[in-house]
Amino acid sequence: MIKTIRGALIQISSWKTDLRVIMAFALGFVLLCLNGYPYLKFAAFLKSEVQAFELSVICGSTGYAFLALFLGNLLLLSNAPFITDVTTYELLRSGKKQWIDSKILYIVLSSVLYSIMLMVASAAFSAIKGAVSFKNEWSYAMLELAIKQPIYSVDSFRIAFPQRMFVETVNPYTAVVLTVICNSMYSILISMTMMCVNLLSSRNWGWIVASLIHIGGYVIFANAGFMFPQKYSLFCHGMPAYYIQEFGHFSIIGTVCFVLAVFLILREICLFASKRMQV
């Protein structure tokens, strides 16, 4: 276990010199700004300050924003299981099982850190563009957007967040923690799928499969695509606001059990695929 953790942390420590990682986080920040700026304009129009993490909550539970923000995570982990010149040495030293577990732990930590980065970046961007509050209460702008849902927010600012039940049920800090958890769970499963495909194909085709799953999930979420209801969209389960809905909601316990089951299945597939690797 210690070697597994050490291996994942060593890989994270190389981020500062990894161009792919730098580009992934930069892409995530740019996409956050592009998708979040309309809300800040809306708040400025109302002369309202914003709670520091409202932007993260909105982007993490709005379909088109979540669709875009995942691209940074996709770039960050698209080359899983991260084969390098020292991979053969790592396999000989630790064995394939421990090596796979180390890569899985790296995916978990990377997905969580990416979500946390977006959370921090949202607060920083909000502070740059206007007045920010760190109180554990929703701003006037957020209450106006989520509860009253004015038509002019869409017509003039291209922003909507029809999540009255969610805003009335949880406070901002609870909401942002749920956002990090749900967004991360989704990213972990998709990223592990990428690694499985890359291992099985011995090529970097995983990002193609992950992209199809991601886009397909959005289609189901947005349009009830393929005759599937929203509850069958993994994409939708990655957005916490959809767990608390006025007309029914998802089961949090059910989702956690499903994610854990799929996680374990994907781990076994990765272990099976690693046996085909030549050391």
C-alpha atoms as a PDB file:
ATOM      1  CA  MET A   1       0.000   0.000   0.000  1.00  0.00           C
ATOM      2  CA  ILE A   2       2.784   2.434   0.893  1.00  0.00           C
ATOM      3  CA  LYS A   3       4.546   1.766  -2.415  1.00  0.00           C
ATOM      4  CA  THR A   4       1.282   2.268  -4.265  1.00  0.00           C
ATOM      5  CA  ILE A   5       0.724   5.634  -2.614  1.00  0.00           C
ATOM      6  CA  ARG A   6       4.345   6.638  -3.144  1.00  0.00           C
ATOM      7  CA  GLY A   7       4.150   5.773  -6.829  1.00  0.00           C
ATOM      8  CA  ALA A   8       1.048   7.937  -7.329  1.00  0.00           C
ATOM      9  CA  LEU A   9       2.526  10.860  -5.402  1.00  0.00           C
ATOM     10  CA  ILE A  10       5.788  10.699  -7.351  1.00  0.00           C
ATOM     11  CA  GLN A  11       3.825  10.950 -10.584  1.00  0.00           C
ATOM     12  CA  ILE A  12       1.880  13.950  -9.269  1.00  0.00           C
ATOM     13  CA  SER A  13       5.140  15.611  -8.195  1.00  0.00           C
ATOM     14  CA  SER A  14       6.227  15.661 -11.855  1.00  0.00           C
ATOM     15  CA  TRP A  15       3.283  17.849 -12.862  1.00  0.00           C
ATOM     16  CA  LYS A  16       5.243  21.104 -12.768  1.00  0.00           C
ATOM     17  CA  THR A  17       7.375  19.962 -15.723  1.00  0.00           C
ATOM     18  CA  ASP A  18       4.694  18.044 -17.631  1.00  0.00           C
ATOM     19  CA  LEU A  19       3.388  20.094 -20.570  1.00  0.00           C
ATOM     20  CA  ARG A  20       0.270  17.912 -20.922  1.00  0.00           C
ATOM     21  CA  VAL A  21      -0.705  18.554 -17.301  1.00  0.00           C
ATOM     22  CA  ILE A  22      -0.077  22.299 -17.584  1.00  0.00           C
ATOM     23  CA  MET A  23      -2.187  22.465 -20.748  1.00  0.00           C
ATOM     24  CA  ALA A  24      -4.973  20.398 -19.117  1.00  0.00           C
ATOM     25  CA  PHE A  25      -5.279  22.721 -16.125  1.00  0.00           C
ATOM     26  CA  ALA A  26      -5.011  25.796 -18.360  1.00  0.00           C
ATOM     27  CA  LEU A  27      -7.772  24.422 -20.580  1.00  0.00           C
ATOM     28  CA  GLY A  28      -9.966  23.773 -17.558  1.00  0.00           C
ATOM     29  CA  PHE A  29      -9.444  27.331 -16.293  1.00  0.00           C
ATOM     30  CA  VAL A  30     -10.215  28.879 -19.678  1.00  0.00           C
ATOM     31  CA  LEU A  31     -13.382  26.797 -20.092  1.00  0.00           C
ATOM     32  CA  LEU A  32     -14.459  27.710 -16.557  1.00  0.00           C
ATOM     33  CA  CYS A  33     -14.053  31.418 -17.330  1.00  0.00           C
ATOM     34  CA  LEU A  34     -15.923  31.158 -20.629  1.00  0.00           C
ATOM     35  CA  ASN A  35     -18.840  29.258 -19.095  1.00  0.00           C
ATOM     36  CA  GLY A  36     -18.915  31.203 -15.833  1.00  0.00           C
ATOM     37  CA  TYR A  37     -18.596  34.753 -17.102  1.00  0.00           C
ATOM     38  CA  PRO A  38     -22.294  35.104 -18.069  1.00  0.00           C
ATOM     39  CA  TYR A  39     -23.274  34.496 -14.418  1.00  0.00           C
ATOM     40  CA  LEU A  40     -20.871  37.173 -13.205  1.00  0.00           C
ATOM     41  CA  LYS A  41     -22.328  39.596 -15.759  1.00  0.00           C
ATOM     42  CA  PHE A  42     -25.800  38.683 -14.498  1.00  0.00           C
ATOM     43  CA  ALA A  43     -24.737  39.345 -10.888  1.00  0.00           C
ATOM     44  CA  ALA A  44     -23.162  42.681 -11.872  1.00  0.00           C
ATOM     45  CA  PHE A  45     -26.400  43.681 -13.615  1.00  0.00           C
ATOM     46  CA  LEU A  46     -28.265  43.030 -10.347  1.00  0.00           C
ATOM     47  CA  LYS A  47     -25.519  44.865  -8.400  1.00  0.00           C
ATOM     48  CA  SER A  48     -25.113  41.721  -6.320  1.00  0.00           C
ATOM     49  CA  GLU A  49     -21.992  40.239  -4.855  1.00  0.00           C
ATOM     50  CA  VAL A  50     -21.513  36.509  -5.421  1.00  0.00           C
ATOM     51  CA  GLN A  51     -20.680  33.762  -2.974  1.00  0.00           C
ATOM     52  CA  ALA A  52     -17.114  32.622  -3.718  1.00  0.00           C
ATOM     53  CA  PHE A  53     -18.014  29.116  -4.875  1.00  0.00           C
ATOM     54  CA  GLU A  54     -21.326  29.750  -6.638  1.00  0.00           C
ATOM     55  CA  LEU A  55     -19.613  29.749 -10.008  1.00  0.00           C
ATOM     56  CA  SER A  56     -18.163  26.289  -9.349  1.00  0.00           C
ATOM     57  CA  VAL A  57     -21.577  24.989  -8.250  1.00  0.00           C
ATOM     58  CA  ILE A  58     -23.330  26.378 -11.332  1.00  0.00           C
ATOM     59  CA  CYS A  59     -20.740  25.055 -13.799  1.00  0.00           C
ATOM     60  CA  GLY A  60     -20.643  21.686 -12.025  1.00  0.00           C
ATOM     61  CA  SER A  61     -24.405  21.202 -12.384  1.00  0.00           C
ATOM     62  CA  THR A  62     -25.117  22.812 -15.760  1.00  0.00           C
ATOM     63  CA  GLY A  63     -25.040  20.415 -18.694  1.00  0.00           C
ATOM     64  CA  TYR A  64     -23.188  22.421 -21.334  1.00  0.00           C
ATOM     65  CA  ALA A  65     -20.641  23.743 -18.806  1.00  0.00           C
ATOM     66  CA  PHE A  66     -19.961  20.298 -17.342  1.00  0.00           C
ATOM     67  CA  LEU A  67     -19.676  18.931 -20.875  1.00  0.00           C
ATOM     68  CA  ALA A  68     -16.885  21.437 -21.592  1.00  0.00           C
ATOM     69  CA  LEU A  69     -15.060  21.341 -18.260  1.00  0.00           C
ATOM     70  CA  PHE A  70     -14.468  17.591 -18.500  1.00  0.00           C
ATOM     71  CA  LEU A  71     -12.239  18.186 -21.530  1.00  0.00           C
ATOM     72  CA  GLY A  72      -9.432  19.334 -19.249  1.00  0.00           C
ATOM     73  CA  ASN A  73      -9.703  16.127 -17.236  1.00  0.00           C
ATOM     74  CA  LEU A  74      -9.785  14.153 -20.493  1.00  0.00           C
ATOM     75  CA  LEU A  75      -6.522  15.756 -21.636  1.00  0.00           C
ATOM     76  CA  LEU A  76      -4.946  15.256 -18.216  1.00  0.00           C
ATOM     77  CA  LEU A  77      -5.518  11.489 -18.146  1.00  0.00           C
ATOM     78  CA  SER A  78      -5.931  10.513 -21.800  1.00  0.00           C
ATOM     79  CA  ASN A  79      -2.598   8.675 -21.926  1.00  0.00           C
ATOM     80  CA  ALA A  80      -3.361   6.349 -18.981  1.00  0.00           C
ATOM     81  CA  PRO A  81      -1.689   4.066 -17.882  1.00  0.00           C
ATOM     82  CA  PHE A  82       1.148   6.527 -18.537  1.00  0.00           C
ATOM     83  CA  ILE A  83       3.780   4.280 -20.112  1.00  0.00           C
ATOM     84  CA  THR A  84       7.273   5.786 -19.841  1.00  0.00           C
ATOM     85  CA  ASP A  85      10.877   4.695 -20.307  1.00  0.00           C
ATOM     86  CA  VAL A  86      10.975   3.464 -16.700  1.00  0.00           C
ATOM     87  CA  THR A  87       7.725   1.457 -16.849  1.00  0.00           C
ATOM     88  CA  THR A  88       9.563  -1.837 -17.379  1.00  0.00           C
ATOM     89  CA  TYR A  89      11.674  -1.167 -14.296  1.00  0.00           C
ATOM     90  CA  GLU A  90       8.566  -0.265 -12.263  1.00  0.00           C
ATOM     91  CA  LEU A  91       6.821  -3.494 -13.303  1.00  0.00           C
ATOM     92  CA  LEU A  92       9.826  -5.621 -12.383  1.00  0.00           C
ATOM     93  CA  ARG A  93      10.237  -3.891  -9.051  1.00  0.00           C
ATOM     94  CA  SER A  94       6.618  -3.754  -7.884  1.00  0.00           C
ATOM     95  CA  GLY A  95       4.665  -6.295  -9.969  1.00  0.00           C
ATOM     96  CA  LYS A  96       1.731  -5.648 -12.266  1.00  0.00           C
ATOM     97  CA  LYS A  97      -0.972  -5.611  -9.572  1.00  0.00           C
ATOM     98  CA  GLN A  98       0.727  -2.931  -7.511  1.00  0.00           C
ATOM     99  CA  TRP A  99       1.624  -0.991 -10.645  1.00  0.00           C
ATOM    100  CA  ILE A 100      -2.022  -0.953 -11.793  1.00  0.00           C
ATOM    101  CA  ASP A 101      -3.212   0.059  -8.328  1.00  0.00           C
ATOM    102  CA  SER A 102      -0.703   2.900  -8.354  1.00  0.00           C
ATOM    103  CA  LYS A 103      -2.057   4.157 -11.686  1.00  0.00           C
ATOM    104  CA  ILE A 104      -5.655   3.875 -10.452  1.00  0.00           C
ATOM    105  CA  LEU A 105      -4.774   5.852  -7.328  1.00  0.00           C
ATOM    106  CA  TYR A 106      -3.123   8.462  -9.535  1.00  0.00           C
ATOM    107  CA  ILE A 107      -6.329   8.727 -11.605  1.00  0.00           C
ATOM    108  CA  VAL A 108      -8.401   9.156  -8.434  1.00  0.00           C
ATOM    109  CA  LEU A 109      -6.113  11.825  -6.997  1.00  0.00           C
ATOM    110  CA  SER A 110      -5.802  13.631 -10.332  1.00  0.00           C
ATOM    111  CA  SER A 111      -9.563  13.752 -10.852  1.00  0.00           C
ATOM    112  CA  VAL A 112     -10.143  15.105  -7.346  1.00  0.00           C
ATOM    113  CA  LEU A 113      -7.349  17.671  -7.671  1.00  0.00           C
ATOM    114  CA  TYR A 114      -8.692  18.814 -11.038  1.00  0.00           C
ATOM    115  CA  SER A 115     -12.140  19.380  -9.490  1.00  0.00           C
ATOM    116  CA  ILE A 116     -10.585  21.225  -6.548  1.00  0.00           C
ATOM    117  CA  MET A 117      -8.575  23.368  -8.974  1.00  0.00           C
ATOM    118  CA  LEU A 118     -11.790  24.378 -10.722  1.00  0.00           C
ATOM    119  CA  MET A 119     -13.341  25.203  -7.349  1.00  0.00           C
ATOM    120  CA  VAL A 120     -10.427  27.451  -6.341  1.00  0.00           C
ATOM    121  CA  ALA A 121     -10.212  28.990  -9.821  1.00  0.00           C
ATOM    122  CA  SER A 122     -13.928  29.837  -9.708  1.00  0.00           C
ATOM    123  CA  ALA A 123     -13.432  31.781  -6.478  1.00  0.00           C
ATOM    124  CA  ALA A 124     -10.384  33.581  -7.886  1.00  0.00           C
ATOM    125  CA  PHE A 125     -12.129  34.478 -11.147  1.00  0.00           C
ATOM    126  CA  SER A 126     -15.208  35.696  -9.270  1.00  0.00           C
ATOM    127  CA  ALA A 127     -13.017  37.888  -7.050  1.00  0.00           C
ATOM    128  CA  ILE A 128     -11.273  39.374 -10.095  1.00  0.00           C
ATOM    129  CA  LYS A 129     -14.531  40.253 -11.841  1.00  0.00           C
ATOM    130  CA  GLY A 130     -16.540  41.592  -8.900  1.00  0.00           C
ATOM    131  CA  ALA A 131     -17.442  41.560  -5.214  1.00  0.00           C
ATOM    132  CA  VAL A 132     -17.151  38.184  -3.502  1.00  0.00           C
ATOM    133  CA  SER A 133     -18.466  36.907  -0.190  1.00  0.00           C
ATOM    134  CA  PHE A 134     -17.256  33.867   1.733  1.00  0.00           C
ATOM    135  CA  LYS A 135     -20.378  33.688   3.884  1.00  0.00           C
ATOM    136  CA  ASN A 136     -22.165  30.357   3.896  1.00  0.00           C
ATOM    137  CA  GLU A 137     -25.278  31.762   2.248  1.00  0.00           C
ATOM    138  CA  TRP A 138     -26.411  32.175  -1.325  1.00  0.00           C
ATOM    139  CA  SER A 139     -26.124  35.566  -2.957  1.00  0.00           C
ATOM    140  CA  TYR A 140     -29.085  37.576  -4.188  1.00  0.00           C
ATOM    141  CA  ALA A 141     -28.018  36.819  -7.770  1.00  0.00           C
ATOM    142  CA  MET A 142     -28.049  33.073  -7.138  1.00  0.00           C
ATOM    143  CA  LEU A 143     -31.456  33.174  -5.459  1.00  0.00           C
ATOM    144  CA  GLU A 144     -32.825  35.233  -8.330  1.00  0.00           C
ATOM    145  CA  LEU A 145     -31.388  32.845 -10.919  1.00  0.00           C
ATOM    146  CA  ALA A 146     -32.318  29.546  -9.263  1.00  0.00           C
ATOM    147  CA  ILE A 147     -35.631  30.378  -7.596  1.00  0.00           C
ATOM    148  CA  LYS A 148     -37.265  33.117  -9.671  1.00  0.00           C
ATOM    149  CA  GLN A 149     -35.642  31.911 -12.913  1.00  0.00           C
ATOM    150  CA  PRO A 150     -36.205  35.161 -14.846  1.00  0.00           C
ATOM    151  CA  ILE A 151     -36.528  34.960 -18.622  1.00  0.00           C
ATOM    152  CA  TYR A 152     -34.128  37.873 -19.119  1.00  0.00           C
ATOM    153  CA  SER A 153     -31.282  35.811 -17.617  1.00  0.00           C
ATOM    154  CA  VAL A 154     -31.472  33.584 -20.689  1.00  0.00           C
ATOM    155  CA  ASP A 155     -32.386  36.248 -23.243  1.00  0.00           C
ATOM    156  CA  SER A 156     -29.789  38.811 -22.146  1.00  0.00           C
ATOM    157  CA  PHE A 157     -27.069  36.813 -20.375  1.00  0.00           C
ATOM    158  CA  ARG A 158     -27.378  33.275 -21.777  1.00  0.00           C
ATOM    159  CA  ILE A 159     -27.419  31.799 -18.278  1.00  0.00           C
ATOM    160  CA  ALA A 160     -29.937  29.524 -16.556  1.00  0.00           C
ATOM    161  CA  PHE A 161     -29.832  27.463 -13.374  1.00  0.00           C
ATOM    162  CA  PRO A 162     -33.332  26.118 -12.682  1.00  0.00           C
ATOM    163  CA  GLN A 163     -32.383  24.335  -9.470  1.00  0.00           C
ATOM    164  CA  ARG A 164     -34.724  25.876  -6.896  1.00  0.00           C
ATOM    165  CA  MET A 165     -34.958  22.735  -4.758  1.00  0.00           C
ATOM    166  CA  PHE A 166     -31.188  22.318  -4.655  1.00  0.00           C
ATOM    167  CA  VAL A 167     -30.531  25.917  -3.597  1.00  0.00           C
ATOM    168  CA  GLU A 168     -33.276  25.826  -0.963  1.00  0.00           C
ATOM    169  CA  THR A 169     -32.025  22.523   0.466  1.00  0.00           C
ATOM    170  CA  VAL A 170     -28.249  22.920   0.736  1.00  0.00           C
ATOM    171  CA  ASN A 171     -25.939  25.824   1.593  1.00  0.00           C
ATOM    172  CA  PRO A 172     -23.047  26.972  -0.644  1.00  0.00           C
ATOM    173  CA  TYR A 173     -20.274  25.083   1.133  1.00  0.00           C
ATOM    174  CA  THR A 174     -22.228  21.837   1.164  1.00  0.00           C
ATOM    175  CA  ALA A 175     -23.059  22.383  -2.497  1.00  0.00           C
ATOM    176  CA  VAL A 176     -19.450  22.930  -3.557  1.00  0.00           C
ATOM    177  CA  VAL A 177     -18.286  19.834  -1.642  1.00  0.00           C
ATOM    178  CA  LEU A 178     -21.006  17.792  -3.370  1.00  0.00           C
ATOM    179  CA  THR A 179     -19.905  19.298  -6.686  1.00  0.00           C
ATOM    180  CA  VAL A 180     -16.300  18.219  -6.165  1.00  0.00           C
ATOM    181  CA  ILE A 181     -17.372  14.717  -5.096  1.00  0.00           C
ATOM    182  CA  CYS A 182     -19.874  14.102  -7.911  1.00  0.00           C
ATOM    183  CA  ASN A 183     -17.736  15.645 -10.652  1.00  0.00           C
ATOM    184  CA  SER A 184     -14.740  13.622  -9.428  1.00  0.00           C
ATOM    185  CA  MET A 185     -16.661  10.330  -9.310  1.00  0.00           C
ATOM    186  CA  TYR A 186     -17.753  10.823 -12.892  1.00  0.00           C
ATOM    187  CA  SER A 187     -14.233  11.722 -14.019  1.00  0.00           C
ATOM    188  CA  ILE A 188     -12.717   8.717 -12.233  1.00  0.00           C
ATOM    189  CA  LEU A 189     -15.020   6.224 -13.967  1.00  0.00           C
ATOM    190  CA  ILE A 190     -14.510   7.749 -17.417  1.00  0.00           C
ATOM    191  CA  SER A 191     -10.743   7.972 -16.911  1.00  0.00           C
ATOM    192  CA  MET A 192     -10.524   4.363 -15.748  1.00  0.00           C
ATOM    193  CA  THR A 193     -12.475   3.364 -18.853  1.00  0.00           C
ATOM    194  CA  MET A 194      -9.840   5.171 -20.914  1.00  0.00           C
ATOM    195  CA  MET A 195      -7.097   3.230 -19.186  1.00  0.00           C
ATOM    196  CA  CYS A 196      -8.877  -0.088 -19.771  1.00  0.00           C
ATOM    197  CA  VAL A 197      -9.242   0.625 -23.488  1.00  0.00           C
ATOM    198  CA  ASN A 198      -5.621   1.769 -23.784  1.00  0.00           C
ATOM    199  CA  LEU A 199      -4.378  -1.382 -22.048  1.00  0.00           C
ATOM    200  CA  LEU A 200      -6.589  -3.726 -24.076  1.00  0.00           C
ATOM    201  CA  SER A 201      -5.769  -2.097 -27.406  1.00  0.00           C
ATOM    202  CA  SER A 202      -2.121  -1.282 -26.652  1.00  0.00           C
ATOM    203  CA  ARG A 203      -2.882   2.096 -28.246  1.00  0.00           C
ATOM    204  CA  ASN A 204      -4.181   5.451 -27.048  1.00  0.00           C
ATOM    205  CA  TRP A 205      -7.730   4.886 -28.243  1.00  0.00           C
ATOM    206  CA  GLY A 206      -9.265   5.302 -24.821  1.00  0.00           C
ATOM    207  CA  TRP A 207      -9.887   9.016 -25.270  1.00  0.00           C
ATOM    208  CA  ILE A 208     -12.128   8.246 -28.262  1.00  0.00           C
ATOM    209  CA  VAL A 209     -14.274   5.832 -26.230  1.00  0.00           C
ATOM    210  CA  ALA A 210     -14.334   8.246 -23.286  1.00  0.00           C
ATOM    211  CA  SER A 211     -15.408  11.108 -25.552  1.00  0.00           C
ATOM    212  CA  LEU A 212     -18.236   9.014 -27.009  1.00  0.00           C
ATOM    213  CA  ILE A 213     -19.450   8.045 -23.538  1.00  0.00           C
ATOM    214  CA  HIS A 214     -19.237  11.663 -22.396  1.00  0.00           C
ATOM    215  CA  ILE A 215     -21.074  13.096 -25.397  1.00  0.00           C
ATOM    216  CA  GLY A 216     -23.613  10.248 -25.401  1.00  0.00           C
ATOM    217  CA  GLY A 217     -24.311  10.903 -21.727  1.00  0.00           C
ATOM    218  CA  TYR A 218     -24.925  14.569 -22.487  1.00  0.00           C
ATOM    219  CA  VAL A 219     -27.326  13.676 -25.316  1.00  0.00           C
ATOM    220  CA  ILE A 220     -29.310  11.438 -22.960  1.00  0.00           C
ATOM    221  CA  PHE A 221     -29.281  14.162 -20.298  1.00  0.00           C
ATOM    222  CA  ALA A 222     -30.295  16.968 -22.632  1.00  0.00           C
ATOM    223  CA  ASN A 223     -32.752  15.269 -24.947  1.00  0.00           C
ATOM    224  CA  ALA A 224     -33.648  11.902 -23.446  1.00  0.00           C
ATOM    225  CA  GLY A 225     -31.585  10.505 -26.302  1.00  0.00           C
ATOM    226  CA  PHE A 226     -31.896   6.901 -27.457  1.00  0.00           C
ATOM    227  CA  MET A 227     -35.231   6.680 -25.560  1.00  0.00           C
ATOM    228  CA  PHE A 228     -33.377   6.537 -22.216  1.00  0.00           C
ATOM    229  CA  PRO A 229     -34.570   8.665 -19.268  1.00  0.00           C
ATOM    230  CA  GLN A 230     -32.082  10.988 -17.560  1.00  0.00           C
ATOM    231  CA  LYS A 231     -31.523   8.638 -14.642  1.00  0.00           C
ATOM    232  CA  TYR A 232     -29.656   6.269 -16.969  1.00  0.00           C
ATOM    233  CA  SER A 233     -27.165   8.969 -17.928  1.00  0.00           C
ATOM    234  CA  LEU A 234     -23.882   8.685 -16.010  1.00  0.00           C
ATOM    235  CA  PHE A 235     -23.292  12.269 -17.142  1.00  0.00           C
ATOM    236  CA  CYS A 236     -26.357  13.419 -15.203  1.00  0.00           C
ATOM    237  CA  HIS A 237     -25.228  11.560 -12.075  1.00  0.00           C
ATOM    238  CA  GLY A 238     -22.016  13.598 -12.159  1.00  0.00           C
ATOM    239  CA  MET A 239     -23.957  16.801 -11.415  1.00  0.00           C
ATOM    240  CA  PRO A 240     -25.079  17.119  -7.768  1.00  0.00           C
ATOM    241  CA  ALA A 241     -28.062  19.421  -8.358  1.00  0.00           C
ATOM    242  CA  TYR A 242     -29.907  16.541 -10.038  1.00  0.00           C
ATOM    243  CA  TYR A 243     -29.894  14.541  -6.823  1.00  0.00           C
ATOM    244  CA  ILE A 244     -32.305  17.061  -5.295  1.00  0.00           C
ATOM    245  CA  GLN A 245     -35.171  17.789  -7.656  1.00  0.00           C
ATOM    246  CA  GLU A 246     -38.696  19.054  -7.096  1.00  0.00           C
ATOM    247  CA  PHE A 247     -40.190  16.253  -9.189  1.00  0.00           C
ATOM    248  CA  GLY A 248     -38.179  13.312  -7.855  1.00  0.00           C
ATOM    249  CA  HIS A 249     -34.465  12.820  -7.473  1.00  0.00           C
ATOM    250  CA  PHE A 250     -31.700  10.268  -7.853  1.00  0.00           C
ATOM    251  CA  SER A 251     -30.716   7.950  -5.029  1.00  0.00           C
ATOM    252  CA  ILE A 252     -27.345   9.018  -3.647  1.00  0.00           C
ATOM    253  CA  ILE A 253     -26.822   5.614  -2.043  1.00  0.00           C
ATOM    254  CA  GLY A 254     -27.741   3.878  -5.291  1.00  0.00           C
ATOM    255  CA  THR A 255     -25.289   5.998  -7.251  1.00  0.00           C
ATOM    256  CA  VAL A 256     -22.457   5.368  -4.780  1.00  0.00           C
ATOM    257  CA  CYS A 257     -23.078   1.616  -4.936  1.00  0.00           C
ATOM    258  CA  PHE A 258     -23.148   1.725  -8.741  1.00  0.00           C
ATOM    259  CA  VAL A 259     -19.944   3.767  -8.946  1.00  0.00           C
ATOM    260  CA  LEU A 260     -18.171   1.423  -6.523  1.00  0.00           C
ATOM    261  CA  ALA A 261     -19.294  -1.662  -8.460  1.00  0.00           C
ATOM    262  CA  VAL A 262     -18.182  -0.222 -11.814  1.00  0.00           C
ATOM    263  CA  PHE A 263     -14.913   0.940 -10.250  1.00  0.00           C
ATOM    264  CA  LEU A 264     -14.115  -2.594  -9.053  1.00  0.00           C
ATOM    265  CA  ILE A 265     -15.084  -4.108 -12.417  1.00  0.00           C
ATOM    266  CA  LEU A 266     -12.841  -1.658 -14.282  1.00  0.00           C
ATOM    267  CA  ARG A 267      -9.994  -2.426 -11.902  1.00  0.00           C
ATOM    268  CA  GLU A 268     -10.329  -6.136 -12.644  1.00  0.00           C
ATOM    269  CA  ILE A 269     -10.345  -5.412 -16.393  1.00  0.00           C
ATOM    270  CA  CYS A 270      -7.173  -3.346 -15.999  1.00  0.00           C
ATOM    271  CA  LEU A 271      -5.511  -6.177 -14.060  1.00  0.00           C
ATOM    272  CA  PHE A 272      -6.528  -8.662 -16.726  1.00  0.00           C
ATOM    273  CA  ALA A 273      -5.255  -6.407 -19.504  1.00  0.00           C
ATOM    274  CA  SER A 274      -1.952  -5.840 -17.708  1.00  0.00           C
ATOM    275  CA  LYS A 275      -1.179  -9.561 -17.931  1.00  0.00           C
ATOM    276  CA  ARG A 276      -0.793  -9.117 -21.677  1.00  0.00           C
ATOM    277  CA  MET A 277       1.940  -6.533 -21.165  1.00  0.00           C
ATOM    278  CA  GLN A 278       5.424  -7.784 -21.909  1.00  0.00           C
ATOM    279  CA  VAL A 279       8.022  -6.884 -19.326  1.00  0.00           C
END
